[in-house]
Protein backbone atom coordinates (compact mmCIF):
# COMPACT_ATOMS: atom_id res chain seq x y z
CA UNK A 1 -43.55 27.58 -3.32
CA UNK A 2 -47.08 28.16 -2.09
CA UNK A 3 -46.42 27.54 1.58
CA UNK A 4 -46.56 25.03 4.35
CA UNK A 5 -49.31 22.45 4.83
CA UNK A 6 -48.63 22.08 8.57
CA UNK A 7 -47.80 24.72 11.14
CA UNK A 8 -44.02 24.90 11.70
CA UNK A 9 -44.62 25.70 15.40
CA UNK A 10 -47.39 23.37 16.62
CA UNK A 11 -47.64 20.94 13.67
CA UNK A 12 -51.41 21.35 13.29
CA UNK A 13 -52.80 21.46 9.74
CA UNK A 14 -52.93 24.96 8.27
CA UNK A 15 -56.15 26.54 7.03
CA UNK A 16 -56.62 28.96 4.16
CA UNK A 17 -58.21 32.31 4.74
CA UNK A 18 -58.11 35.99 3.86
CA UNK A 19 -55.63 37.78 6.10
CA UNK A 20 -54.49 41.35 5.35
CA UNK A 21 -56.48 41.21 2.08
CA UNK A 22 -54.57 38.17 0.76
CA UNK A 23 -55.35 34.46 0.83
CA UNK A 24 -52.83 32.94 3.23
CA UNK A 25 -52.26 29.73 5.14
CA UNK A 26 -52.72 30.13 8.88
CA UNK A 27 -52.90 28.05 12.03
CA UNK A 28 -56.13 28.29 14.01
CA UNK A 29 -54.40 26.69 17.04
CA UNK A 30 -51.45 29.05 17.59
CA UNK A 31 -52.27 31.98 15.22
CA UNK A 32 -49.22 31.46 12.99
CA UNK A 33 -49.64 33.07 9.54
CA UNK A 34 -47.50 31.88 6.65
CA UNK A 35 -46.40 34.95 4.70
CA UNK A 36 -44.68 34.47 1.36
CA UNK A 37 -42.01 37.06 0.64
CA UNK A 38 -40.17 37.95 -2.55
CA UNK A 39 -36.63 36.60 -2.96
CA UNK A 40 -33.98 39.36 -2.92
CA UNK A 41 -31.59 39.45 -5.86
CA UNK A 42 -29.07 41.89 -7.32
CA UNK A 43 -27.79 42.77 -10.78
CA UNK A 44 -24.73 44.67 -11.96
CA UNK A 45 -24.67 47.02 -14.92
CA UNK A 46 -20.88 47.00 -15.09
CA UNK A 47 -19.34 49.83 -17.06
CA UNK A 48 -15.76 50.09 -18.33
CA UNK A 49 -15.27 53.31 -20.31
CA UNK A 50 -18.09 53.37 -22.93
CA UNK A 51 -18.83 49.66 -22.70
CA UNK A 52 -21.21 47.58 -20.59
CA UNK A 53 -20.34 44.10 -19.36
CA UNK A 54 -22.82 41.43 -20.46
CA UNK A 55 -22.97 37.70 -19.87
CA UNK A 56 -24.50 34.99 -22.00
CA UNK A 57 -26.58 33.07 -19.47
CA UNK A 58 -25.57 29.46 -19.00
CA UNK A 59 -28.74 28.38 -17.21
CA UNK A 60 -32.47 29.02 -17.08
CA UNK A 61 -34.26 31.30 -16.91
CA UNK A 62 -33.00 32.88 -20.11
CA UNK A 63 -30.31 30.34 -20.96
CA UNK A 64 -28.39 31.54 -24.01
CA UNK A 65 -29.43 35.21 -23.86
CA UNK A 66 -27.14 38.18 -23.25
CA UNK A 67 -27.92 40.13 -20.11
CA UNK A 68 -26.41 41.56 -16.91
CA UNK A 69 -24.59 39.51 -14.25
CA UNK A 70 -27.10 38.85 -11.49
CA UNK A 71 -28.08 36.46 -8.73
CA UNK A 72 -29.64 35.91 -5.36
CA UNK A 73 -28.49 37.56 -2.16
CA UNK A 74 -26.99 35.26 0.44
CA UNK A 75 -27.89 35.43 4.13
CA UNK A 76 -25.72 37.93 5.97
CA UNK A 77 -24.59 39.92 2.94
CA UNK A 78 -25.56 43.45 2.00
CA UNK A 79 -27.09 44.15 -1.42
CA UNK A 80 -23.84 45.82 -2.46
CA UNK A 81 -21.79 42.78 -1.40
CA UNK A 82 -24.20 40.51 -3.28
CA UNK A 83 -23.91 42.60 -6.43
CA UNK A 84 -20.10 42.61 -6.38
CA UNK A 85 -19.94 38.90 -5.54
CA UNK A 86 -22.25 37.96 -8.42
CA UNK A 87 -20.32 40.23 -10.76
CA UNK A 88 -17.03 38.54 -9.82
CA UNK A 89 -18.43 34.98 -9.83
CA UNK A 90 -19.91 35.37 -13.32
CA UNK A 91 -17.23 37.52 -15.00
CA UNK A 92 -14.05 37.66 -12.92
CA UNK A 93 -14.41 41.47 -12.87
CA UNK A 94 -14.36 43.74 -9.83
CA UNK A 95 -16.11 47.04 -9.28
CA UNK A 96 -14.73 50.30 -7.88
CA UNK A 97 -18.03 52.01 -7.09
CA UNK A 98 -21.72 51.17 -7.00
CA UNK A 99 -24.79 53.33 -7.40
CA UNK A 100 -28.29 51.93 -6.95
CA UNK A 101 -30.33 52.50 -10.09
CA UNK A 102 -33.62 51.20 -8.71
CA UNK A 103 -35.46 48.32 -7.07
CA UNK A 104 -37.77 46.24 -9.28
CA UNK A 105 -40.38 43.56 -8.84
CA UNK A 106 -40.01 40.67 -11.26
CA UNK A 107 -41.98 37.44 -11.42
CA UNK A 108 -40.08 34.29 -12.38
CA UNK A 109 -41.85 31.05 -13.22
CA UNK A 110 -38.89 29.22 -11.69
CA UNK A 111 -38.55 31.21 -8.46
CA UNK A 112 -41.74 33.22 -7.94
CA UNK A 113 -41.66 36.85 -6.86
CA UNK A 114 -38.26 38.53 -6.90
CA UNK A 115 -37.12 41.87 -5.51
CA UNK A 116 -34.25 42.90 -7.77
CA UNK A 117 -31.83 45.68 -6.84
CA UNK A 118 -29.94 46.87 -9.93
CA UNK A 119 -26.66 48.74 -9.50
CA UNK A 120 -24.50 50.77 -11.87
CA UNK A 121 -20.96 49.53 -11.21
CA UNK A 122 -17.80 51.22 -12.46
CA UNK A 123 -15.48 48.32 -13.28
CA UNK A 124 -11.81 48.09 -12.43
CA UNK A 125 -9.72 47.53 -15.56
CA UNK A 126 -9.48 43.88 -16.52
CA UNK A 127 -10.46 41.20 -18.97
CA UNK A 128 -13.77 39.45 -18.24
CA UNK A 129 -14.06 35.67 -18.42
CA UNK A 130 -17.11 33.44 -17.99
CA UNK A 131 -17.55 31.80 -14.63
CA UNK A 132 -20.32 30.38 -12.47
CA UNK A 133 -23.62 30.79 -14.40
CA UNK A 134 -22.19 32.46 -17.52
CA UNK A 135 -21.27 30.75 -20.79
CA UNK A 136 -19.64 33.86 -22.28
CA UNK A 137 -18.81 37.45 -21.34
CA UNK A 138 -18.41 40.53 -23.49
CA UNK A 139 -17.85 44.25 -23.07
CA UNK A 140 -20.41 45.79 -25.44
CA UNK A 141 -20.58 49.44 -26.58
CA UNK A 142 -23.46 51.13 -24.75
CA UNK A 143 -25.25 52.11 -27.95
CA UNK A 144 -25.16 48.52 -29.29
CA UNK A 145 -27.25 47.09 -26.43
CA UNK A 146 -30.91 46.46 -27.22
CA UNK A 147 -33.04 43.78 -25.53
CA UNK A 148 -31.75 42.33 -22.25
CA UNK A 149 -34.41 39.56 -21.96
CA UNK A 150 -35.79 40.62 -18.57
CA UNK A 151 -38.23 43.53 -18.19
CA UNK A 152 -36.51 44.94 -15.11
CA UNK A 153 -33.06 44.86 -16.78
CA UNK A 154 -34.42 46.80 -19.76
CA UNK A 155 -36.04 49.34 -17.41
CA UNK A 156 -32.84 49.75 -15.38
CA UNK A 157 -30.69 50.16 -18.51
CA UNK A 158 -33.12 52.76 -19.87
CA UNK A 159 -32.89 54.60 -16.54
CA UNK A 160 -29.10 54.45 -16.58
CA UNK A 161 -28.94 55.90 -20.10
CA UNK A 162 -30.85 59.04 -19.09
CA UNK A 163 -28.77 62.24 -19.30
CA UNK A 164 -26.31 62.74 -16.41
CA UNK A 165 -26.51 59.07 -15.28
CA UNK A 166 -23.62 57.63 -17.29
């Protein structure tokens, strides 16, 4: 979404101009500036023993590819709550502990700019099943995982595999 056409406060038409070194829509009547922010999302690299939990995505972007459970944060929830909720909704699995791997910027043609927080999650014992946005789930040996479709997921997994992280 590129922004509003009319001011949400005074309803005057918005103008385009350079503000803070970026082209933005602004209102010359009341000084409102329409800033466009990235959408916060979380992802879980769920680990059970020497295996990582993957989902086969059931929707775009990346429908049909194997990757990590992930999704958008909801209003009022912490990043950790979002990560565990998405993990459970997509796999039926719960986590015992979370450790932030890193925060990544990702651009999605569907959603625009995303701010993705990727967590390493130690899973409680259980059997995963596909739910929500997943068509399939699988616990995959760590060394068998190659391409995870999304640049930030590959970066996070590479970071996780560094010595002393797993």
